[in-house]
Amino acid sequence: MLQEFLYAKIHRATVTDADLDYIGSITIDKALLNASGIKENQKVDILNVNNGERFHTYVIEGKENSGKICINGAAARKAQKGDIVIIAAYALLSEEEQKTFVPKIVHVDKNNKIV
């Protein structure tokens, strides 16, 4: 049986922009994607520490080392520049995989640089 588990997390990133007029998704600095293992177009949950909002979207790769975390489209109503968010991705794991799997957790500073 497969069960859903945390795969990767970017912890306490700062939203650098919210673009209501964009088609949709979240733009994330490529360096953070590489460190976390989160992929472009992958579904993620966004957990807004400032206002308690929780929503799903998909990832767009941003410029590497830009520190960019931009909430796009309708989701821009759920977060604004300066908000602190947790970005979480999940994976389906078999019972055997669950025994040894360890999620990748990426901690960032207020400029979204890996610490």
N, C-alpha and C. Protein backbone atom coordinates (compact mmCIF):
# COMPACT_ATOMS: atom_id res chain seq x y z
N MET A 1 0.84 -1.18 0.00
CA MET A 1 0.00 0.00 0.00
C MET A 1 0.88 1.24 0.00
N LEU A 2 0.51 2.22 -0.80
CA LEU A 2 1.21 3.49 -0.82
C LEU A 2 0.52 4.47 0.11
N GLN A 3 1.32 5.24 0.82
CA GLN A 3 0.80 6.30 1.68
C GLN A 3 1.55 7.58 1.38
N GLU A 4 0.89 8.73 1.60
CA GLU A 4 1.49 10.02 1.27
C GLU A 4 2.28 10.56 2.47
N PHE A 5 3.53 10.95 2.19
CA PHE A 5 4.42 11.46 3.22
C PHE A 5 5.09 12.74 2.73
N LEU A 6 5.57 13.54 3.69
CA LEU A 6 6.34 14.73 3.35
C LEU A 6 7.57 14.30 2.57
N TYR A 7 7.80 14.90 1.43
CA TYR A 7 8.95 14.61 0.57
C TYR A 7 10.04 15.67 0.77
N ALA A 8 9.61 16.95 0.77
CA ALA A 8 10.56 18.05 0.89
C ALA A 8 9.85 19.28 1.42
N LYS A 9 10.64 20.16 2.06
CA LYS A 9 10.05 21.38 2.61
C LYS A 9 11.07 22.50 2.54
N ILE A 10 10.61 23.67 2.11
CA ILE A 10 11.39 24.90 2.22
C ILE A 10 10.75 25.65 3.38
N HIS A 11 11.50 25.80 4.47
CA HIS A 11 10.93 26.25 5.74
C HIS A 11 11.14 27.74 5.99
N ARG A 12 10.02 28.44 6.17
CA ARG A 12 9.99 29.85 6.55
C ARG A 12 10.65 30.77 5.52
N ALA A 13 10.25 30.58 4.27
CA ALA A 13 10.70 31.47 3.20
C ALA A 13 9.90 32.77 3.26
N THR A 14 10.51 33.85 2.81
CA THR A 14 9.84 35.14 2.78
C THR A 14 9.30 35.40 1.38
N VAL A 15 8.02 35.73 1.29
CA VAL A 15 7.41 36.05 0.00
C VAL A 15 8.02 37.36 -0.49
N THR A 16 8.59 37.33 -1.69
CA THR A 16 9.22 38.53 -2.26
C THR A 16 8.29 39.31 -3.15
N ASP A 17 7.20 38.67 -3.61
CA ASP A 17 6.24 39.35 -4.48
C ASP A 17 4.95 38.53 -4.54
N ALA A 18 3.87 39.21 -4.87
CA ALA A 18 2.58 38.55 -5.13
C ALA A 18 2.00 39.22 -6.37
N ASP A 19 1.85 38.42 -7.43
CA ASP A 19 1.45 38.95 -8.74
C ASP A 19 0.08 38.41 -9.12
N LEU A 20 -0.95 39.18 -8.81
CA LEU A 20 -2.33 38.76 -9.07
C LEU A 20 -2.61 38.55 -10.55
N ASP A 21 -1.96 39.30 -11.41
CA ASP A 21 -2.23 39.24 -12.84
C ASP A 21 -1.51 38.11 -13.57
N TYR A 22 -0.69 37.34 -12.87
CA TYR A 22 0.01 36.23 -13.49
C TYR A 22 -0.95 35.04 -13.61
N ILE A 23 -0.66 34.13 -14.51
CA ILE A 23 -1.56 33.00 -14.78
C ILE A 23 -1.79 32.12 -13.56
N GLY A 24 -0.78 31.90 -12.76
CA GLY A 24 -0.95 31.09 -11.56
C GLY A 24 0.34 30.44 -11.12
N SER A 25 0.37 29.88 -9.92
CA SER A 25 1.49 29.12 -9.39
C SER A 25 2.33 29.90 -8.40
N ILE A 26 3.48 29.33 -8.06
CA ILE A 26 4.48 29.98 -7.21
C ILE A 26 5.83 29.89 -7.92
N THR A 27 6.51 31.00 -7.99
CA THR A 27 7.86 31.03 -8.56
C THR A 27 8.85 30.90 -7.41
N ILE A 28 9.77 29.93 -7.54
CA ILE A 28 10.74 29.63 -6.49
C ILE A 28 12.14 29.65 -7.07
N ASP A 29 13.05 30.32 -6.38
CA ASP A 29 14.47 30.36 -6.74
C ASP A 29 14.98 28.94 -7.06
N LYS A 30 15.64 28.80 -8.19
CA LYS A 30 16.16 27.50 -8.64
C LYS A 30 17.10 26.86 -7.61
N ALA A 31 17.88 27.66 -6.91
CA ALA A 31 18.80 27.11 -5.90
C ALA A 31 18.03 26.41 -4.79
N LEU A 32 16.87 26.97 -4.42
CA LEU A 32 16.05 26.35 -3.38
C LEU A 32 15.39 25.07 -3.90
N LEU A 33 15.00 25.08 -5.17
CA LEU A 33 14.44 23.86 -5.76
C LEU A 33 15.48 22.76 -5.79
N ASN A 34 16.69 23.10 -6.22
CA ASN A 34 17.76 22.10 -6.29
C ASN A 34 18.07 21.52 -4.92
N ALA A 35 18.13 22.37 -3.91
CA ALA A 35 18.47 21.91 -2.56
C ALA A 35 17.37 21.03 -1.97
N SER A 36 16.12 21.33 -2.29
CA SER A 36 14.99 20.59 -1.72
C SER A 36 14.60 19.36 -2.52
N GLY A 37 14.93 19.35 -3.80
CA GLY A 37 14.49 18.27 -4.67
C GLY A 37 13.11 18.50 -5.25
N ILE A 38 12.51 19.65 -4.96
CA ILE A 38 11.21 19.99 -5.54
C ILE A 38 11.43 20.34 -7.01
N LYS A 39 10.53 19.89 -7.87
CA LYS A 39 10.68 20.05 -9.32
C LYS A 39 9.70 21.09 -9.88
N GLU A 40 10.09 21.66 -11.02
CA GLU A 40 9.18 22.57 -11.72
C GLU A 40 7.92 21.81 -12.10
N ASN A 41 6.79 22.46 -11.98
CA ASN A 41 5.45 21.93 -12.26
C ASN A 41 4.94 20.97 -11.18
N GLN A 42 5.72 20.70 -10.16
CA GLN A 42 5.28 19.81 -9.09
C GLN A 42 4.24 20.52 -8.22
N LYS A 43 3.26 19.77 -7.76
CA LYS A 43 2.25 20.30 -6.84
C LYS A 43 2.89 20.51 -5.47
N VAL A 44 2.60 21.65 -4.86
CA VAL A 44 3.09 21.96 -3.52
C VAL A 44 1.96 22.57 -2.69
N ASP A 45 2.10 22.45 -1.40
CA ASP A 45 1.24 23.16 -0.46
C ASP A 45 1.99 24.38 0.02
N ILE A 46 1.29 25.49 0.14
CA ILE A 46 1.85 26.71 0.68
C ILE A 46 1.13 26.97 2.00
N LEU A 47 1.89 27.11 3.08
CA LEU A 47 1.35 27.34 4.40
C LEU A 47 1.82 28.73 4.84
N ASN A 48 0.90 29.66 4.94
CA ASN A 48 1.24 31.04 5.26
C ASN A 48 1.25 31.21 6.78
N VAL A 49 2.44 31.44 7.33
CA VAL A 49 2.59 31.59 8.78
C VAL A 49 1.90 32.86 9.28
N ASN A 50 1.88 33.90 8.46
CA ASN A 50 1.32 35.19 8.89
C ASN A 50 -0.20 35.17 9.06
N ASN A 51 -0.91 34.50 8.15
CA ASN A 51 -2.38 34.59 8.20
C ASN A 51 -3.08 33.23 8.29
N GLY A 52 -2.32 32.14 8.32
CA GLY A 52 -2.91 30.82 8.47
C GLY A 52 -3.46 30.20 7.19
N GLU A 53 -3.38 30.92 6.08
CA GLU A 53 -3.87 30.36 4.80
C GLU A 53 -3.05 29.13 4.42
N ARG A 54 -3.73 28.16 3.82
CA ARG A 54 -3.09 26.95 3.30
C ARG A 54 -3.70 26.71 1.93
N PHE A 55 -2.84 26.54 0.92
CA PHE A 55 -3.37 26.31 -0.43
C PHE A 55 -2.39 25.50 -1.26
N HIS A 56 -2.92 24.90 -2.33
CA HIS A 56 -2.12 24.11 -3.27
C HIS A 56 -1.84 24.95 -4.49
N THR A 57 -0.71 24.71 -5.11
CA THR A 57 -0.40 25.29 -6.41
C THR A 57 0.71 24.45 -7.03
N TYR A 58 1.28 24.94 -8.12
CA TYR A 58 2.39 24.22 -8.76
C TYR A 58 3.56 25.18 -8.90
N VAL A 59 4.74 24.61 -9.11
CA VAL A 59 6.00 25.36 -9.08
C VAL A 59 6.44 25.83 -10.46
N ILE A 60 6.90 27.07 -10.50
CA ILE A 60 7.63 27.61 -11.65
C ILE A 60 9.04 27.91 -11.16
N GLU A 61 10.03 27.50 -11.93
CA GLU A 61 11.42 27.73 -11.55
C GLU A 61 11.79 29.20 -11.75
N GLY A 62 12.36 29.81 -10.71
CA GLY A 62 12.83 31.18 -10.77
C GLY A 62 14.33 31.23 -10.97
N LYS A 63 14.84 32.40 -11.20
CA LYS A 63 16.28 32.61 -11.44
C LYS A 63 17.07 32.12 -10.23
N GLU A 64 18.14 31.38 -10.52
CA GLU A 64 18.98 30.81 -9.47
C GLU A 64 19.63 31.91 -8.63
N ASN A 65 19.62 31.72 -7.32
CA ASN A 65 20.20 32.63 -6.33
C ASN A 65 19.55 34.01 -6.30
N SER A 66 18.33 34.10 -6.81
CA SER A 66 17.60 35.37 -6.80
C SER A 66 16.88 35.60 -5.48
N GLY A 67 16.65 34.53 -4.73
CA GLY A 67 15.87 34.62 -3.50
C GLY A 67 14.37 34.76 -3.76
N LYS A 68 13.96 34.61 -5.00
CA LYS A 68 12.58 34.87 -5.37
C LYS A 68 11.62 33.80 -4.86
N ILE A 69 10.58 34.28 -4.19
CA ILE A 69 9.42 33.47 -3.81
C ILE A 69 8.22 34.34 -4.16
N CYS A 70 7.61 34.08 -5.30
CA CYS A 70 6.52 34.93 -5.78
C CYS A 70 5.24 34.11 -5.89
N ILE A 71 4.21 34.57 -5.19
CA ILE A 71 2.90 33.94 -5.25
C ILE A 71 2.17 34.55 -6.44
N ASN A 72 1.71 33.71 -7.36
CA ASN A 72 1.13 34.18 -8.62
C ASN A 72 -0.36 33.87 -8.73
N GLY A 73 -1.05 34.64 -9.54
CA GLY A 73 -2.45 34.40 -9.86
C GLY A 73 -3.37 34.57 -8.66
N ALA A 74 -4.45 33.82 -8.65
CA ALA A 74 -5.47 33.95 -7.60
C ALA A 74 -4.88 33.75 -6.20
N ALA A 75 -3.85 32.93 -6.09
CA ALA A 75 -3.23 32.68 -4.78
C ALA A 75 -2.60 33.93 -4.20
N ALA A 76 -2.36 34.94 -5.04
CA ALA A 76 -1.80 36.20 -4.55
C ALA A 76 -2.75 36.87 -3.56
N ARG A 77 -3.99 36.45 -3.51
CA ARG A 77 -4.94 36.96 -2.51
C ARG A 77 -4.69 36.31 -1.14
N LYS A 78 -3.91 35.23 -1.12
CA LYS A 78 -3.69 34.48 0.12
C LYS A 78 -2.35 34.76 0.78
N ALA A 79 -1.48 35.52 0.10
CA ALA A 79 -0.17 35.87 0.66
C ALA A 79 0.27 37.18 0.04
N GLN A 80 1.05 37.93 0.80
CA GLN A 80 1.56 39.18 0.28
C GLN A 80 3.04 39.31 0.57
N LYS A 81 3.66 40.23 -0.11
CA LYS A 81 5.09 40.47 0.06
C LYS A 81 5.41 40.63 1.54
N GLY A 82 6.44 39.91 1.97
CA GLY A 82 6.86 39.96 3.36
C GLY A 82 6.31 38.84 4.23
N ASP A 83 5.27 38.15 3.77
CA ASP A 83 4.74 37.02 4.54
C ASP A 83 5.76 35.89 4.61
N ILE A 84 5.70 35.13 5.68
CA ILE A 84 6.55 33.96 5.86
C ILE A 84 5.72 32.73 5.48
N VAL A 85 6.29 31.88 4.60
CA VAL A 85 5.58 30.69 4.15
C VAL A 85 6.43 29.44 4.30
N ILE A 86 5.74 28.33 4.40
CA ILE A 86 6.37 27.01 4.36
C ILE A 86 5.87 26.36 3.08
N ILE A 87 6.79 25.86 2.28
CA ILE A 87 6.46 25.23 1.00
C ILE A 87 6.72 23.73 1.17
N ALA A 88 5.68 22.93 1.01
CA ALA A 88 5.80 21.49 1.26
C ALA A 88 5.38 20.68 0.04
N ALA A 89 6.16 19.64 -0.25
CA ALA A 89 5.85 18.69 -1.32
C ALA A 89 5.76 17.30 -0.70
N TYR A 90 4.97 16.45 -1.32
CA TYR A 90 4.70 15.13 -0.78
C TYR A 90 4.99 14.05 -1.82
N ALA A 91 5.17 12.82 -1.34
CA ALA A 91 5.42 11.68 -2.22
C ALA A 91 4.66 10.47 -1.70
N LEU A 92 4.28 9.60 -2.61
CA LEU A 92 3.67 8.33 -2.24
C LEU A 92 4.78 7.31 -2.00
N LEU A 93 4.80 6.73 -0.81
CA LEU A 93 5.85 5.78 -0.45
C LEU A 93 5.25 4.43 -0.10
N SER A 94 5.95 3.39 -0.50
CA SER A 94 5.56 2.04 -0.10
C SER A 94 5.92 1.84 1.37
N GLU A 95 5.39 0.79 1.97
CA GLU A 95 5.72 0.51 3.37
C GLU A 95 7.22 0.30 3.54
N GLU A 96 7.85 -0.31 2.56
CA GLU A 96 9.30 -0.54 2.62
C GLU A 96 10.07 0.78 2.54
N GLU A 97 9.67 1.66 1.64
CA GLU A 97 10.32 2.98 1.50
C GLU A 97 10.17 3.83 2.75
N GLN A 98 9.03 3.69 3.43
CA GLN A 98 8.76 4.48 4.63
C GLN A 98 9.77 4.22 5.74
N LYS A 99 10.35 3.04 5.75
CA LYS A 99 11.27 2.66 6.82
C LYS A 99 12.56 3.47 6.81
N THR A 100 12.98 3.92 5.63
CA THR A 100 14.28 4.60 5.54
C THR A 100 14.22 6.01 4.94
N PHE A 101 13.07 6.38 4.42
CA PHE A 101 12.98 7.69 3.75
C PHE A 101 13.10 8.83 4.75
N VAL A 102 13.89 9.84 4.37
CA VAL A 102 14.04 11.06 5.17
C VAL A 102 13.75 12.25 4.26
N PRO A 103 12.78 13.08 4.60
CA PRO A 103 12.48 14.23 3.74
C PRO A 103 13.61 15.26 3.77
N LYS A 104 13.73 16.01 2.67
CA LYS A 104 14.72 17.08 2.59
C LYS A 104 14.08 18.36 3.14
N ILE A 105 14.69 18.93 4.15
CA ILE A 105 14.19 20.16 4.76
C ILE A 105 15.24 21.25 4.49
N VAL A 106 14.82 22.31 3.84
CA VAL A 106 15.72 23.42 3.53
C VAL A 106 15.31 24.62 4.37
N HIS A 107 16.21 25.07 5.23
CA HIS A 107 15.98 26.25 6.05
C HIS A 107 16.60 27.45 5.35
N VAL A 108 15.88 28.56 5.38
CA VAL A 108 16.38 29.78 4.71
C VAL A 108 16.35 30.95 5.68
N ASP A 109 17.17 31.97 5.35
CA ASP A 109 17.17 33.19 6.16
C ASP A 109 16.12 34.15 5.60
N LYS A 110 16.08 35.39 6.10
CA LYS A 110 15.05 36.35 5.69
C LYS A 110 15.19 36.78 4.23
N ASN A 111 16.35 36.48 3.61
CA ASN A 111 16.56 36.79 2.20
C ASN A 111 16.42 35.56 1.32
N ASN A 112 15.91 34.47 1.90
CA ASN A 112 15.70 33.20 1.19
C ASN A 112 16.99 32.56 0.74
N LYS A 113 18.05 32.78 1.49
CA LYS A 113 19.32 32.11 1.25
C LYS A 113 19.40 30.92 2.20
N ILE A 114 19.93 29.81 1.72
CA ILE A 114 20.02 28.59 2.50
C ILE A 114 20.95 28.78 3.69
N VAL A 115 20.48 28.35 4.86
CA VAL A 115 21.32 28.43 6.07
C VAL A 115 21.71 27.03 6.53
